[in-house]
PDB file of N, CA and C in Angstrom:
ATOM      1  N   MET A   1      27.600 -81.419  94.964  1.00  0.00           N
ATOM      2  CA  MET A   1      28.207 -82.028  93.873  1.00  0.00           C
ATOM      3  C   MET A   1      29.765 -82.177  93.615  1.00  0.00           C
ATOM      4  N   THR A   2      30.542 -80.923  94.195  1.00  0.00           N
ATOM      5  CA  THR A   2      31.834 -80.833  93.979  1.00  0.00           C
ATOM      6  C   THR A   2      32.651 -82.054  94.811  1.00  0.00           C
ATOM      7  N   ILE A   3      32.118 -82.370  96.029  1.00  0.00           N
ATOM      8  CA  ILE A   3      32.674 -83.336  96.728  1.00  0.00           C
ATOM      9  C   ILE A   3      32.613 -84.874  95.993  1.00  0.00           C
ATOM     10  N   ILE A   4      31.458 -85.143  95.495  1.00  0.00           N
ATOM     11  CA  ILE A   4      31.344 -86.373  94.533  1.00  0.00           C
ATOM     12  C   ILE A   4      32.325 -86.425  93.476  1.00  0.00           C
ATOM     13  N   SER A   5      32.410 -85.283  92.893  1.00  0.00           N
ATOM     14  CA  SER A   5      33.199 -85.004  91.674  1.00  0.00           C
ATOM     15  C   SER A   5      34.688 -85.104  92.101  1.00  0.00           C
ATOM     16  N   LEU A   6      34.893 -84.476  93.351  1.00  0.00           N
ATOM     17  CA  LEU A   6      36.286 -84.920  93.642  1.00  0.00           C
ATOM     18  C   LEU A   6      36.361 -86.321  94.043  1.00  0.00           C
ATOM     19  N   LEU A   7      35.939 -86.949  94.636  1.00  0.00           N
ATOM     20  CA  LEU A   7      36.083 -88.292  94.757  1.00  0.00           C
ATOM     21  C   LEU A   7      35.856 -89.270  93.605  1.00  0.00           C
ATOM     22  N   LEU A   8      35.268 -88.860  92.653  1.00  0.00           N
ATOM     23  CA  LEU A   8      35.280 -89.682  91.508  1.00  0.00           C
ATOM     24  C   LEU A   8      36.545 -89.352  90.531  1.00  0.00           C
ATOM     25  N   LEU A   9      36.441 -88.357  90.550  1.00  0.00           N
ATOM     26  CA  LEU A   9      38.166 -87.920  89.782  1.00  0.00           C
ATOM     27  C   LEU A   9      39.361 -88.306  90.382  1.00  0.00           C
ATOM     28  N   SER A  10      39.332 -88.500  92.063  1.00  0.00           N
ATOM     29  CA  SER A  10      40.450 -88.761  92.537  1.00  0.00           C
ATOM     30  C   SER A  10      40.444 -90.314  92.366  1.00  0.00           C
ATOM     31  N   SER A  11      39.559 -91.163  92.423  1.00  0.00           N
ATOM     32  CA  SER A  11      39.487 -92.588  92.198  1.00  0.00           C
ATOM     33  C   SER A  11      39.984 -92.713  90.881  1.00  0.00           C
ATOM     34  N   LEU A  12      39.977 -92.091  89.870  1.00  0.00           N
ATOM     35  CA  LEU A  12      40.263 -92.051  88.717  1.00  0.00           C
ATOM     36  C   LEU A  12      41.529 -91.829  88.335  1.00  0.00           C
ATOM     37  N   LEU A  13      42.298 -90.951  89.287  1.00  0.00           N
ATOM     38  CA  LEU A  13      43.359 -90.366  89.004  1.00  0.00           C
ATOM     39  C   LEU A  13      44.741 -91.124  88.398  1.00  0.00           C
ATOM     40  N   PRO A  14      44.775 -92.425  89.035  1.00  0.00           N
ATOM     41  CA  PRO A  14      45.770 -93.343  88.325  1.00  0.00           C
ATOM     42  C   PRO A  14      45.528 -93.902  87.107  1.00  0.00           C
ATOM     43  N   HIS A  15      44.071 -93.633  86.558  1.00  0.00           N
ATOM     44  CA  HIS A  15      43.747 -94.314  85.278  1.00  0.00           C
ATOM     45  C   HIS A  15      43.609 -93.279  84.161  1.00  0.00           C
ATOM     46  N   LEU A  16      43.841 -91.785  84.492  1.00  0.00           N
ATOM     47  CA  LEU A  16      43.562 -90.685  83.638  1.00  0.00           C
ATOM     48  C   LEU A  16      44.500 -90.659  82.771  1.00  0.00           C
ATOM     49  N   THR A  17      45.437 -91.658  82.608  1.00  0.00           N
ATOM     50  CA  THR A  17      46.362 -91.427  81.233  1.00  0.00           C
ATOM     51  C   THR A  17      45.842 -92.086  80.016  1.00  0.00           C
ATOM     52  N   PHE A  18      44.533 -91.888  79.846  1.00  0.00           N
ATOM     53  CA  PHE A  18      43.703 -92.395  78.529  1.00  0.00           C
ATOM     54  C   PHE A  18      44.590 -91.480  77.288  1.00  0.00           C
ATOM     55  N   THR A  19      45.241 -92.331  76.522  1.00  0.00           N
ATOM     56  CA  THR A  19      45.911 -91.675  75.323  1.00  0.00           C
ATOM     57  C   THR A  19      45.174 -92.327  74.329  1.00  0.00           C
ATOM     58  N   SER A  20      44.548 -91.695  73.290  1.00  0.00           N
ATOM     59  CA  SER A  20      44.037 -92.369  72.159  1.00  0.00           C
ATOM     60  C   SER A  20      44.622 -91.652  70.804  1.00  0.00           C
ATOM     61  N   GLU A  21      44.805 -92.336  69.873  1.00  0.00           N
ATOM     62  CA  GLU A  21      45.332 -91.944  68.505  1.00  0.00           C
ATOM     63  C   GLU A  21      44.318 -91.442  67.822  1.00  0.00           C
ATOM     64  N   THR A  22      42.973 -91.517  68.391  1.00  0.00           N
ATOM     65  CA  THR A  22      41.781 -90.955  67.321  1.00  0.00           C
ATOM     66  C   THR A  22      40.791 -90.276  68.071  1.00  0.00           C
ATOM     67  N   ASP A  23      40.068 -89.665  67.636  1.00  0.00           N
ATOM     68  CA  ASP A  23      39.164 -89.012  68.470  1.00  0.00           C
ATOM     69  C   ASP A  23      37.847 -89.368  68.113  1.00  0.00           C
ATOM     70  N   LEU A  24      36.661 -88.854  68.875  1.00  0.00           N
ATOM     71  CA  LEU A  24      35.395 -89.622  69.199  1.00  0.00           C
ATOM     72  C   LEU A  24      35.106 -90.110  67.844  1.00  0.00           C
ATOM     73  N   ASN A  25      35.354 -89.720  66.735  1.00  0.00           N
ATOM     74  CA  ASN A  25      34.797 -89.916  65.422  1.00  0.00           C
ATOM     75  C   ASN A  25      35.376 -91.048  64.832  1.00  0.00           C
ATOM     76  N   GLY A  26      36.667 -91.498  65.172  1.00  0.00           N
ATOM     77  CA  GLY A  26      37.539 -92.298  64.747  1.00  0.00           C
ATOM     78  C   GLY A  26      38.509 -92.022  63.662  1.00  0.00           C
ATOM     79  N   ARG A  27      38.584 -90.902  63.597  1.00  0.00           N
ATOM     80  CA  ARG A  27      39.781 -89.867  62.865  1.00  0.00           C
ATOM     81  C   ARG A  27      40.971 -89.968  63.718  1.00  0.00           C
ATOM     82  N   GLU A  28      42.183 -89.757  62.840  1.00  0.00           N
ATOM     83  CA  GLU A  28      43.526 -89.563  63.526  1.00  0.00           C
ATOM     84  C   GLU A  28      43.567 -88.618  64.425  1.00  0.00           C
ATOM     85  N   ALA A  29      43.873 -88.536  65.568  1.00  0.00           N
ATOM     86  CA  ALA A  29      44.145 -87.251  66.371  1.00  0.00           C
ATOM     87  C   ALA A  29      45.278 -86.545  65.874  1.00  0.00           C
ATOM     88  N   LYS A  30      45.323 -85.125  66.122  1.00  0.00           N
ATOM     89  CA  LYS A  30      46.299 -84.338  65.775  1.00  0.00           C
ATOM     90  C   LYS A  30      47.479 -84.450  66.989  1.00  0.00           C
ATOM     91  N   PRO A  31      48.868 -84.469  66.587  1.00  0.00           N
ATOM     92  CA  PRO A  31      49.928 -84.397  67.530  1.00  0.00           C
ATOM     93  C   PRO A  31      49.555 -83.354  68.719  1.00  0.00           C
ATOM     94  N   HIS A  32      49.683 -83.473  69.863  1.00  0.00           N
ATOM     95  CA  HIS A  32      49.434 -82.719  71.008  1.00  0.00           C
ATOM     96  C   HIS A  32      48.059 -82.468  71.471  1.00  0.00           C
ATOM     97  N   SER A  33      47.121 -83.050  70.506  1.00  0.00           N
ATOM     98  CA  SER A  33      45.727 -82.683  70.966  1.00  0.00           C
ATOM     99  C   SER A  33      45.309 -83.272  72.210  1.00  0.00           C
ATOM    100  N   ARG A  34      43.858 -83.141  72.502  1.00  0.00           N
ATOM    101  CA  ARG A  34      43.683 -83.951  73.424  1.00  0.00           C
ATOM    102  C   ARG A  34      42.390 -84.620  73.254  1.00  0.00           C
ATOM    103  N   PRO A  35      42.476 -85.920  72.566  1.00  0.00           N
ATOM    104  CA  PRO A  35      41.066 -86.438  71.948  1.00  0.00           C
ATOM    105  C   PRO A  35      40.096 -86.869  73.111  1.00  0.00           C
ATOM    106  N   TYR A  36      40.797 -86.939  74.540  1.00  0.00           N
ATOM    107  CA  TYR A  36      39.950 -87.125  75.567  1.00  0.00           C
ATOM    108  C   TYR A  36      39.127 -86.017  76.230  1.00  0.00           C
ATOM    109  N   MET A  37      39.390 -84.740  75.486  1.00  0.00           N
ATOM    110  CA  MET A  37      38.499 -83.717  75.950  1.00  0.00           C
ATOM    111  C   MET A  37      37.196 -83.516  75.016  1.00  0.00           C
ATOM    112  N   VAL A  38      36.157 -83.763  75.574  1.00  0.00           N
ATOM    113  CA  VAL A  38      34.979 -83.586  74.716  1.00  0.00           C
ATOM    114  C   VAL A  38      34.691 -82.413  74.228  1.00  0.00           C
ATOM    115  N   SER A  39      33.958 -82.042  73.160  1.00  0.00           N
ATOM    116  CA  SER A  39      33.623 -80.766  72.969  1.00  0.00           C
ATOM    117  C   SER A  39      32.447 -81.059  72.092  1.00  0.00           C
ATOM    118  N   ILE A  40      31.226 -80.936  72.273  1.00  0.00           N
ATOM    119  CA  ILE A  40      30.094 -81.017  71.296  1.00  0.00           C
ATOM    120  C   ILE A  40      29.423 -79.895  70.877  1.00  0.00           C
ATOM    121  N   GLN A  41      29.251 -79.964  69.519  1.00  0.00           N
ATOM    122  CA  GLN A  41      28.860 -78.782  68.761  1.00  0.00           C
ATOM    123  C   GLN A  41      27.052 -78.687  68.859  1.00  0.00           C
ATOM    124  N   ILE A  42      26.715 -77.771  69.305  1.00  0.00           N
ATOM    125  CA  ILE A  42      24.964 -77.580  69.350  1.00  0.00           C
ATOM    126  C   ILE A  42      24.719 -76.642  68.781  1.00  0.00           C
ATOM    127  N   PHE A  43      23.805 -76.558  67.552  1.00  0.00           N
ATOM    128  CA  PHE A  43      23.568 -75.587  66.943  1.00  0.00           C
ATOM    129  C   PHE A  43      24.740 -74.685  66.327  1.00  0.00           C
ATOM    130  N   GLY A  44      25.774 -75.209  66.067  1.00  0.00           N
ATOM    131  CA  GLY A  44      27.033 -74.636  65.684  1.00  0.00           C
ATOM    132  C   GLY A  44      27.611 -73.905  66.666  1.00  0.00           C
ATOM    133  N   LYS A  45      27.358 -74.253  67.875  1.00  0.00           N
ATOM    134  CA  LYS A  45      28.109 -73.525  68.977  1.00  0.00           C
ATOM    135  C   LYS A  45      29.053 -74.654  69.826  1.00  0.00           C
ATOM    136  N   HIS A  46      29.814 -74.144  70.697  1.00  0.00           N
ATOM    137  CA  HIS A  46      30.666 -75.185  71.258  1.00  0.00           C
ATOM    138  C   HIS A  46      30.201 -75.549  72.370  1.00  0.00           C
ATOM    139  N   ASP A  47      29.991 -76.497  73.161  1.00  0.00           N
ATOM    140  CA  ASP A  47      29.637 -76.902  74.422  1.00  0.00           C
ATOM    141  C   ASP A  47      30.823 -77.528  75.124  1.00  0.00           C
ATOM    142  N   CYS A  48      31.376 -77.151  76.245  1.00  0.00           N
ATOM    143  CA  CYS A  48      32.166 -77.842  76.991  1.00  0.00           C
ATOM    144  C   CYS A  48      31.737 -79.185  77.631  1.00  0.00           C
ATOM    145  N   SER A  49      31.935 -80.205  77.353  1.00  0.00           N
ATOM    146  CA  SER A  49      31.141 -81.428  77.653  1.00  0.00           C
ATOM    147  C   SER A  49      31.961 -82.381  78.096  1.00  0.00           C
ATOM    148  N   GLY A  50      33.152 -82.203  78.810  1.00  0.00           N
ATOM    149  CA  GLY A  50      33.519 -83.193  79.850  1.00  0.00           C
ATOM    150  C   GLY A  50      34.864 -84.042  79.341  1.00  0.00           C
ATOM    151  N   PHE A  51      35.134 -85.225  80.027  1.00  0.00           N
ATOM    152  CA  PHE A  51      36.504 -85.694  79.880  1.00  0.00           C
ATOM    153  C   PHE A  51      36.415 -87.060  79.630  1.00  0.00           C
ATOM    154  N   LEU A  52      36.774 -87.567  78.240  1.00  0.00           N
ATOM    155  CA  LEU A  52      36.603 -89.141  77.971  1.00  0.00           C
ATOM    156  C   LEU A  52      37.481 -90.070  78.709  1.00  0.00           C
ATOM    157  N   ILE A  53      36.923 -90.723  79.779  1.00  0.00           N
ATOM    158  CA  ILE A  53      37.837 -91.583  80.501  1.00  0.00           C
ATOM    159  C   ILE A  53      37.793 -92.896  79.928  1.00  0.00           C
ATOM    160  N   SER A  54      37.198 -93.577  78.911  1.00  0.00           N
ATOM    161  CA  SER A  54      37.254 -94.515  78.330  1.00  0.00           C
ATOM    162  C   SER A  54      36.765 -94.398  76.852  1.00  0.00           C
ATOM    163  N   ASP A  55      36.871 -95.495  76.039  1.00  0.00           N
ATOM    164  CA  ASP A  55      36.148 -95.334  74.784  1.00  0.00           C
ATOM    165  C   ASP A  55      34.739 -95.223  74.844  1.00  0.00           C
ATOM    166  N   GLU A  56      34.350 -95.295  76.065  1.00  0.00           N
ATOM    167  CA  GLU A  56      32.597 -95.300  76.211  1.00  0.00           C
ATOM    168  C   GLU A  56      32.157 -94.691  77.159  1.00  0.00           C
ATOM    169  N   PHE A  57      33.086 -93.676  78.009  1.00  0.00           N
ATOM    170  CA  PHE A  57      32.293 -93.229  79.062  1.00  0.00           C
ATOM    171  C   PHE A  57      33.126 -91.641  79.036  1.00  0.00           C
ATOM    172  N   VAL A  58      32.090 -90.782  79.161  1.00  0.00           N
ATOM    173  CA  VAL A  58      32.555 -89.383  79.519  1.00  0.00           C
ATOM    174  C   VAL A  58      32.236 -88.832  80.950  1.00  0.00           C
ATOM    175  N   LEU A  59      33.124 -88.421  81.752  1.00  0.00           N
ATOM    176  CA  LEU A  59      32.941 -87.855  83.121  1.00  0.00           C
ATOM    177  C   LEU A  59      32.286 -86.422  82.979  1.00  0.00           C
ATOM    178  N   THR A  60      31.096 -86.000  83.256  1.00  0.00           N
ATOM    179  CA  THR A  60      30.656 -84.843  83.369  1.00  0.00           C
ATOM    180  C   THR A  60      29.314 -84.762  84.198  1.00  0.00           C
ATOM    181  N   ALA A  61      29.416 -83.591  84.737  1.00  0.00           N
ATOM    182  CA  ALA A  61      27.947 -83.259  85.549  1.00  0.00           C
ATOM    183  C   ALA A  61      27.826 -81.568  84.776  1.00  0.00           C
ATOM    184  N   GLY A  62      27.203 -81.663  83.930  1.00  0.00           N
ATOM    185  CA  GLY A  62      27.112 -80.492  83.049  1.00  0.00           C
ATOM    186  C   GLY A  62      28.836 -80.044  82.961  1.00  0.00           C
ATOM    187  N   ASP A  63      29.188 -78.916  83.306  1.00  0.00           N
ATOM    188  CA  ASP A  63      30.868 -78.556  83.448  1.00  0.00           C
ATOM    189  C   ASP A  63      31.399 -78.898  84.745  1.00  0.00           C
ATOM    190  N   SER A  64      30.340 -78.592  85.744  1.00  0.00           N
ATOM    191  CA  SER A  64      30.946 -78.724  87.067  1.00  0.00           C
ATOM    192  C   SER A  64      31.407 -80.390  87.473  1.00  0.00           C
ATOM    193  N   GLY A  65      32.339 -80.499  87.850  1.00  0.00           N
ATOM    194  CA  GLY A  65      33.248 -81.730  88.229  1.00  0.00           C
ATOM    195  C   GLY A  65      34.382 -82.055  86.949  1.00  0.00           C
ATOM    196  N   GLY A  66      34.148 -81.444  85.900  1.00  0.00           N
ATOM    197  CA  GLY A  66      35.076 -81.685  84.466  1.00  0.00           C
ATOM    198  C   GLY A  66      36.341 -81.377  85.121  1.00  0.00           C
ATOM    199  N   PRO A  67      37.521 -81.758  84.512  1.00  0.00           N
ATOM    200  CA  PRO A  67      38.660 -81.575  84.873  1.00  0.00           C
ATOM    201  C   PRO A  67      39.351 -80.324  84.254  1.00  0.00           C
ATOM    202  N   LEU A  68      40.440 -80.028  84.699  1.00  0.00           N
ATOM    203  CA  LEU A  68      41.401 -79.046  84.135  1.00  0.00           C
ATOM    204  C   LEU A  68      42.660 -79.728  84.089  1.00  0.00           C
ATOM    205  N   VAL A  69      42.992 -80.012  82.862  1.00  0.00           N
ATOM    206  CA  VAL A  69      44.154 -80.864  82.640  1.00  0.00           C
ATOM    207  C   VAL A  69      45.418 -80.114  82.283  1.00  0.00           C
ATOM    208  N   CYS A  70      46.525 -80.455  82.875  1.00  0.00           N
ATOM    209  CA  CYS A  70      47.949 -79.969  82.548  1.00  0.00           C
ATOM    210  C   CYS A  70      48.580 -81.131  82.300  1.00  0.00           C
ATOM    211  N   GLY A  71      49.157 -81.115  80.907  1.00  0.00           N
ATOM    212  CA  GLY A  71      49.938 -82.155  80.393  1.00  0.00           C
ATOM    213  C   GLY A  71      48.934 -83.224  80.424  1.00  0.00           C
ATOM    214  N   ASP A  72      49.067 -84.440  80.874  1.00  0.00           N
ATOM    215  CA  ASP A  72      48.197 -85.839  80.958  1.00  0.00           C
ATOM    216  C   ASP A  72      47.799 -85.743  82.614  1.00  0.00           C
ATOM    217  N   THR A  73      47.722 -84.791  83.408  1.00  0.00           N
ATOM    218  CA  THR A  73      47.246 -84.940  84.932  1.00  0.00           C
ATOM    219  C   THR A  73      46.217 -83.823  85.045  1.00  0.00           C
ATOM    220  N   ALA A  74      45.197 -84.532  85.575  1.00  0.00           N
ATOM    221  CA  ALA A  74      44.002 -83.731  86.090  1.00  0.00           C
ATOM    222  C   ALA A  74      44.496 -82.952  87.282  1.00  0.00           C
ATOM    223  N   VAL A  75      44.297 -81.710  87.385  1.00  0.00           N
ATOM    224  CA  VAL A  75      45.076 -80.662  88.285  1.00  0.00           C
ATOM    225  C   VAL A  75      43.793 -80.159  89.235  1.00  0.00           C
ATOM    226  N   GLY A  76      42.743 -79.925  88.196  1.00  0.00           N
ATOM    227  CA  GLY A  76      41.594 -79.144  88.816  1.00  0.00           C
ATOM    228  C   GLY A  76      40.034 -79.622  88.524  1.00  0.00           C
ATOM    229  N   VAL A  77      39.150 -79.254  89.217  1.00  0.00           N
ATOM    230  CA  VAL A  77      37.903 -79.811  88.867  1.00  0.00           C
ATOM    231  C   VAL A  77      37.036 -78.369  88.696  1.00  0.00           C
ATOM    232  N   VAL A  78      36.293 -78.423  87.746  1.00  0.00           N
ATOM    233  CA  VAL A  78      35.486 -77.315  87.365  1.00  0.00           C
ATOM    234  C   VAL A  78      34.239 -77.047  88.729  1.00  0.00           C
ATOM    235  N   SER A  79      34.369 -75.995  89.532  1.00  0.00           N
ATOM    236  CA  SER A  79      33.624 -75.755  90.468  1.00  0.00           C
ATOM    237  C   SER A  79      32.298 -74.866  89.983  1.00  0.00           C
ATOM    238  N   PHE A  80      32.677 -73.884  89.329  1.00  0.00           N
ATOM    239  CA  PHE A  80      31.572 -73.131  88.549  1.00  0.00           C
ATOM    240  C   PHE A  80      31.911 -72.322  87.128  1.00  0.00           C
ATOM    241  N   ARG A  81      30.619 -71.968  86.578  1.00  0.00           N
ATOM    242  CA  ARG A  81      31.363 -71.181  85.450  1.00  0.00           C
ATOM    243  C   ARG A  81      30.143 -70.454  85.196  1.00  0.00           C
ATOM    244  N   ASP A  82      30.342 -69.561  84.197  1.00  0.00           N
ATOM    245  CA  ASP A  82      28.924 -68.771  83.448  1.00  0.00           C
ATOM    246  C   ASP A  82      28.294 -69.678  82.561  1.00  0.00           C
ATOM    247  N   ILE A  83      27.132 -70.100  82.928  1.00  0.00           N
ATOM    248  CA  ILE A  83      26.339 -71.206  82.069  1.00  0.00           C
ATOM    249  C   ILE A  83      26.306 -71.137  80.325  1.00  0.00           C
ATOM    250  N   ASN A  84      26.127 -69.704  80.185  1.00  0.00           N
ATOM    251  CA  ASN A  84      26.328 -69.390  78.883  1.00  0.00           C
ATOM    252  C   ASN A  84      27.729 -69.151  77.998  1.00  0.00           C
ATOM    253  N   LEU A  85      28.807 -69.296  78.850  1.00  0.00           N
ATOM    254  CA  LEU A  85      30.084 -69.078  78.253  1.00  0.00           C
ATOM    255  C   LEU A  85      30.936 -70.189  78.808  1.00  0.00           C
ATOM    256  N   CYS A  86      31.967 -70.642  77.891  1.00  0.00           N
ATOM    257  CA  CYS A  86      32.756 -71.698  78.256  1.00  0.00           C
ATOM    258  C   CYS A  86      34.097 -70.890  78.469  1.00  0.00           C
ATOM    259  N   ASN A  87      34.679 -70.820  79.727  1.00  0.00           N
ATOM    260  CA  ASN A  87      35.992 -70.066  79.842  1.00  0.00           C
ATOM    261  C   ASN A  87      36.289 -69.055  79.154  1.00  0.00           C
ATOM    262  N   SER A  88      35.113 -68.172  79.005  1.00  0.00           N
ATOM    263  CA  SER A  88      35.625 -66.834  78.365  1.00  0.00           C
ATOM    264  C   SER A  88      36.548 -65.800  79.209  1.00  0.00           C
ATOM    265  N   PRO A  89      37.172 -64.725  78.716  1.00  0.00           N
ATOM    266  CA  PRO A  89      37.874 -63.916  79.434  1.00  0.00           C
ATOM    267  C   PRO A  89      37.122 -63.273  80.417  1.00  0.00           C
ATOM    268  N   GLU A  90      35.926 -62.693  79.842  1.00  0.00           N
ATOM    269  CA  GLU A  90      35.273 -61.891  80.989  1.00  0.00           C
ATOM    270  C   GLU A  90      34.617 -62.714  82.093  1.00  0.00           C
ATOM    271  N   HIS A  91      34.590 -63.980  82.109  1.00  0.00           N
ATOM    272  CA  HIS A  91      33.969 -64.850  82.986  1.00  0.00           C
ATOM    273  C   HIS A  91      34.622 -66.444  82.810  1.00  0.00           C
ATOM    274  N   PRO A  92      35.961 -66.174  83.590  1.00  0.00           N
ATOM    275  CA  PRO A  92      36.506 -67.550  83.632  1.00  0.00           C
ATOM    276  C   PRO A  92      35.961 -68.763  84.181  1.00  0.00           C
ATOM    277  N   ASN A  93      36.079 -69.919  84.061  1.00  0.00           N
ATOM    278  CA  ASN A  93      35.614 -70.845  84.856  1.00  0.00           C
ATOM    279  C   ASN A  93      36.523 -70.828  86.186  1.00  0.00           C
ATOM    280  N   VAL A  94      35.802 -71.280  87.082  1.00  0.00           N
ATOM    281  CA  VAL A  94      36.544 -71.203  88.670  1.00  0.00           C
ATOM    282  C   VAL A  94      36.798 -72.729  88.891  1.00  0.00           C
ATOM    283  N   TYR A  95      37.982 -73.276  89.157  1.00  0.00           N
ATOM    284  CA  TYR A  95      38.348 -74.542  89.661  1.00  0.00           C
ATOM    285  C   TYR A  95      38.734 -74.698  90.984  1.00  0.00           C
ATOM    286  N   THR A  96      38.565 -76.016  91.343  1.00  0.00           N
ATOM    287  CA  THR A  96      38.981 -76.453  92.675  1.00  0.00           C
ATOM    288  C   THR A  96      40.163 -77.196  92.395  1.00  0.00           C
ATOM    289  N   LYS A  97      41.515 -76.977  93.247  1.00  0.00           N
ATOM    290  CA  LYS A  97      42.684 -77.601  93.173  1.00  0.00           C
ATOM    291  C   LYS A  97      42.558 -79.195  93.914  1.00  0.00           C
ATOM    292  N   ILE A  98      42.773 -80.059  93.099  1.00  0.00           N
ATOM    293  CA  ILE A  98      42.551 -81.532  93.454  1.00  0.00           C
ATOM    294  C   ILE A  98      43.716 -81.702  94.609  1.00  0.00           C
ATOM    295  N   SER A  99      45.137 -81.284  94.241  1.00  0.00           N
ATOM    296  CA  SER A  99      45.824 -81.782  94.985  1.00  0.00           C
ATOM    297  C   SER A  99      45.549 -81.362  96.783  1.00  0.00           C
ATOM    298  N   ALA A 100      44.861 -80.170  96.764  1.00  0.00           N
ATOM    299  CA  ALA A 100      44.855 -79.656  98.338  1.00  0.00           C
ATOM    300  C   ALA A 100      43.923 -80.604  98.739  1.00  0.00           C
ATOM    301  N   TYR A 101      43.095 -81.587  98.414  1.00  0.00           N
ATOM    302  CA  TYR A 101      42.013 -82.316  98.850  1.00  0.00           C
ATOM    303  C   TYR A 101      42.491 -83.942  99.031  1.00  0.00           C
ATOM    304  N   LEU A 102      43.755 -84.124  98.322  1.00  0.00           N
ATOM    305  CA  LEU A 102      44.375 -85.548  98.185  1.00  0.00           C
ATOM    306  C   LEU A 102      44.109 -86.272  99.565  1.00  0.00           C
ATOM    307  N   PRO A 103      44.860 -85.500 100.626  1.00  0.00           N
ATOM    308  CA  PRO A 103      44.898 -86.646 101.876  1.00  0.00           C
ATOM    309  C   PRO A 103      43.378 -86.962 102.258  1.00  0.00           C
ATOM    310  N   TRP A 104      42.501 -85.852 102.328  1.00  0.00           N
ATOM    311  CA  TRP A 104      41.238 -86.126 102.578  1.00  0.00           C
ATOM    312  C   TRP A 104      40.553 -87.110 101.569  1.00  0.00           C
ATOM    313  N   ILE A 105      40.842 -87.068 100.369  1.00  0.00           N
ATOM    314  CA  ILE A 105      40.311 -87.920  99.640  1.00  0.00           C
ATOM    315  C   ILE A 105      40.843 -89.265  99.807  1.00  0.00           C
ATOM    316  N   HIS A 106      42.033 -89.460  99.960  1.00  0.00           N
ATOM    317  CA  HIS A 106      42.828 -90.526 100.331  1.00  0.00           C
ATOM    318  C   HIS A 106      42.144 -91.255 101.449  1.00  0.00           C
ATOM    319  N   GLN A 107      41.636 -90.605 102.489  1.00  0.00           N
ATOM    320  CA  GLN A 107      41.330 -91.038 103.770  1.00  0.00           C
ATOM    321  C   GLN A 107      39.725 -91.768 103.484  1.00  0.00           C
ATOM    322  N   ILE A 108      39.100 -90.830 102.651  1.00  0.00           N
ATOM    323  CA  ILE A 108      37.811 -91.449 102.401  1.00  0.00           C
ATOM    324  C   ILE A 108      37.680 -92.625 101.798  1.00  0.00           C
ATOM    325  N   ILE A 109      38.734 -92.923 100.662  1.00  0.00           N
ATOM    326  CA  ILE A 109      38.755 -94.016  99.963  1.00  0.00           C
ATOM    327  C   ILE A 109      39.284 -95.334 100.880  1.00  0.00           C
ATOM    328  N   ARG A 110      40.218 -94.830 101.727  1.00  0.00           N
ATOM    329  CA  ARG A 110      40.512 -95.923 102.880  1.00  0.00           C
ATOM    330  C   ARG A 110      39.488 -96.422 103.617  1.00  0.00           C
ATOM    331  N   ASN A 111      38.430 -95.382 103.892  1.00  0.00           N
ATOM    332  CA  ASN A 111      37.568 -95.673 104.816  1.00  0.00           C
ATOM    333  C   ASN A 111      36.477 -96.702 104.207  1.00  0.00           C
ATOM    334  N   LEU A 112      36.180 -96.226 102.992  1.00  0.00           N
ATOM    335  CA  LEU A 112      35.167 -97.019 102.087  1.00  0.00           C
ATOM    336  C   LEU A 112      35.978 -98.516 101.989  1.00  0.00           C
ATOM    337  N   GLU A 113      37.033 -98.746 101.475  1.00  0.00           N
ATOM    338  CA  GLU A 113      37.757 -99.984 101.602  1.00  0.00           C
ATOM    339  C   GLU A 113      37.640-100.866 102.912  1.00  0.00           C
ATOM    340  N   ILE A 114      37.834-100.117 103.826  1.00  0.00           N
ATOM    341  CA  ILE A 114      37.819-100.959 105.192  1.00  0.00           C
ATOM    342  C   ILE A 114      36.168-101.325 105.489  1.00  0.00           C
ATOM    343  N   ILE A 115      35.347-100.241 105.054  1.00  0.00           N
ATOM    344  CA  ILE A 115      33.823-100.930 105.070  1.00  0.00           C
ATOM    345  C   ILE A 115      33.773-102.129 104.262  1.00  0.00           C
ATOM    346  N   GLU A 116      34.012-102.083 103.058  1.00  0.00           N
ATOM    347  CA  GLU A 116      33.818-102.984 101.875  1.00  0.00           C
ATOM    348  C   GLU A 116      34.378-104.430 102.331  1.00  0.00           C
ATOM    349  N   GLU A 117      35.650-104.240 103.002  1.00  0.00           N
ATOM    350  CA  GLU A 117      36.530-105.265 103.784  1.00  0.00           C
ATOM    351  C   GLU A 117      35.413-106.003 104.769  1.00  0.00           C
ATOM    352  N   LYS A 118      34.945-105.278 105.497  1.00  0.00           N
ATOM    353  CA  LYS A 118      34.142-105.775 106.728  1.00  0.00           C
ATOM    354  C   LYS A 118      32.841-106.341 106.070  1.00  0.00           C
ATOM    355  N   LYS A 119      32.321-105.821 105.040  1.00  0.00           N
ATOM    356  CA  LYS A 119      31.145-106.348 104.494  1.00  0.00           C
ATOM    357  C   LYS A 119      31.309-107.866 103.929  1.00  0.00           C
ATOM    358  N   ILE A 120      32.548-107.760 103.193  1.00  0.00           N
ATOM    359  CA  ILE A 120      33.095-109.309 102.742  1.00  0.00           C
ATOM    360  C   ILE A 120      33.396-110.221 104.005  1.00  0.00           C
ATOM    361  N   PHE A 121      34.104-109.663 105.021  1.00  0.00           N
ATOM    362  CA  PHE A 121      34.394-110.654 106.115  1.00  0.00           C
ATOM    363  C   PHE A 121      33.149-111.199 106.811  1.00  0.00           C
ATOM    364  N   PHE A 122      32.087-110.127 107.042  1.00  0.00           N
ATOM    365  CA  PHE A 122      31.130-110.617 107.750  1.00  0.00           C
ATOM    366  C   PHE A 122      29.962-111.309 106.888  1.00  0.00           C
ATOM    367  N   SER A 123      29.927-111.249 105.754  1.00  0.00           N
ATOM    368  CA  SER A 123      28.931-111.884 104.739  1.00  0.00           C
ATOM    369  C   SER A 123      29.129-113.617 104.729  1.00  0.00           C
TER     370      SER A 123
END
């Protein structure tokens, strides 16, 4: 699952500059807030719920595959966490560093593009 999440996230990296002036409810977002980081309240408790990549889509697989964002850049992908806690001091989330995998990710994407070009050429 982590590999798929890394591939999907890396393919979106150039487009992860989603900046919204409103939150999911259409209210004005506070300065320096992250309106694209989704938090859902279930029975009055916070649930880490993913990464808004457009007005209509949230990138998440539970929390695994969700982003660690610094500034406006996704730098990590959630590898695992305590299912009952969201980044608690006792049981912090564990992330995979995206930049460590960029050469591999770019190679996979290039290979997929070559395969797609061949399909178009031979069809």
